[in-house]
Amino acid sequence: MPGSHGSLTKAGKVRSQTPKIPAKPRKSKSPRVWRKVTYRRRFIFGGKWGQQK
């Protein structure tokens, strides 16, 4: 291989030096609220299903 992008001895250096930040606790919406969001998305703002091209 002509030319290299750094030696393998330095692989993963930056990630190991980065301090670990704990993930934020996430709470999903209640089913009632989620159905409301889905209804608005489907029928009030458009009404198209599936992937749009």
C-alpha atoms as a PDB file:
ATOM      1  CA  MET A   1       0.000   0.000   0.000  1.00  0.00           C
ATOM      2  CA  PRO A   2       1.540   3.299  -1.014  1.00  0.00           C
ATOM      3  CA  GLY A   3       1.195   5.907   1.671  1.00  0.00           C
ATOM      4  CA  SER A   4      -0.439   5.427   5.024  1.00  0.00           C
ATOM      5  CA  HIS A   5      -2.808   7.552   7.085  1.00  0.00           C
ATOM      6  CA  GLY A   6      -1.034   7.140  10.402  1.00  0.00           C
ATOM      7  CA  SER A   7       0.317   4.227  12.326  1.00  0.00           C
ATOM      8  CA  LEU A   8      -1.856   1.551  13.898  1.00  0.00           C
ATOM      9  CA  THR A   9      -0.204   2.126  17.281  1.00  0.00           C
ATOM     10  CA  LYS A  10      -2.110   5.415  17.600  1.00  0.00           C
ATOM     11  CA  ALA A  11      -5.503   3.977  16.633  1.00  0.00           C
ATOM     12  CA  GLY A  12      -8.276   4.907  19.088  1.00  0.00           C
ATOM     13  CA  LYS A  13      -6.187   7.520  20.896  1.00  0.00           C
ATOM     14  CA  VAL A  14      -8.733  10.339  20.852  1.00  0.00           C
ATOM     15  CA  ARG A  15     -11.687   8.210  21.853  1.00  0.00           C
ATOM     16  CA  SER A  16      -9.878   6.771  24.855  1.00  0.00           C
ATOM     17  CA  GLN A  17      -8.916  10.288  26.010  1.00  0.00           C
ATOM     18  CA  THR A  18     -12.450  11.692  25.708  1.00  0.00           C
ATOM     19  CA  PRO A  19     -14.260  11.860  29.048  1.00  0.00           C
ATOM     20  CA  LYS A  20     -17.338   9.651  29.356  1.00  0.00           C
ATOM     21  CA  ILE A  21     -20.572  11.628  29.663  1.00  0.00           C
ATOM     22  CA  PRO A  22     -23.520   9.690  31.115  1.00  0.00           C
ATOM     23  CA  ALA A  23     -26.580   9.434  28.907  1.00  0.00           C
ATOM     24  CA  LYS A  24     -29.640  11.539  29.714  1.00  0.00           C
ATOM     25  CA  PRO A  25     -32.615   9.591  31.024  1.00  0.00           C
ATOM     26  CA  ARG A  26     -35.272   9.625  28.335  1.00  0.00           C
ATOM     27  CA  LYS A  27     -38.964   9.080  28.945  1.00  0.00           C
ATOM     28  CA  SER A  28     -41.218   8.195  26.065  1.00  0.00           C
ATOM     29  CA  LYS A  29     -44.556   9.925  25.620  1.00  0.00           C
ATOM     30  CA  SER A  30     -47.681   8.248  26.928  1.00  0.00           C
ATOM     31  CA  PRO A  31     -49.688   6.213  24.384  1.00  0.00           C
ATOM     32  CA  ARG A  32     -52.513   8.753  24.402  1.00  0.00           C
ATOM     33  CA  VAL A  33     -50.187  11.627  23.521  1.00  0.00           C
ATOM     34  CA  TRP A  34     -48.376   9.530  20.911  1.00  0.00           C
ATOM     35  CA  ARG A  35     -51.669   8.640  19.164  1.00  0.00           C
ATOM     36  CA  LYS A  36     -52.538  12.340  19.085  1.00  0.00           C
ATOM     37  CA  VAL A  37     -49.194  13.173  17.474  1.00  0.00           C
ATOM     38  CA  THR A  38     -49.636  10.383  14.927  1.00  0.00           C
ATOM     39  CA  TYR A  39     -53.158  11.529  14.049  1.00  0.00           C
ATOM     40  CA  ARG A  40     -52.037  15.102  13.491  1.00  0.00           C
ATOM     41  CA  ARG A  41     -49.105  13.984  11.371  1.00  0.00           C
ATOM     42  CA  ARG A  42     -51.220  11.678   9.174  1.00  0.00           C
ATOM     43  CA  PHE A  43     -54.488  13.507   8.709  1.00  0.00           C
ATOM     44  CA  ILE A  44     -54.044  17.161   9.575  1.00  0.00           C
ATOM     45  CA  PHE A  45     -50.552  17.814   8.145  1.00  0.00           C
ATOM     46  CA  GLY A  46     -50.515  15.924   4.853  1.00  0.00           C
ATOM     47  CA  GLY A  47     -51.887  12.419   4.995  1.00  0.00           C
ATOM     48  CA  LYS A  48     -49.136  10.605   3.053  1.00  0.00           C
ATOM     49  CA  TRP A  49     -47.781   7.328   4.336  1.00  0.00           C
ATOM     50  CA  GLY A  50     -44.408   5.712   3.685  1.00  0.00           C
ATOM     51  CA  GLN A  51     -41.146   7.059   2.419  1.00  0.00           C
ATOM     52  CA  GLN A  52     -41.500  10.113   0.215  1.00  0.00           C
ATOM     53  CA  LYS A  53     -39.268  10.598  -2.835  1.00  0.00           C
END
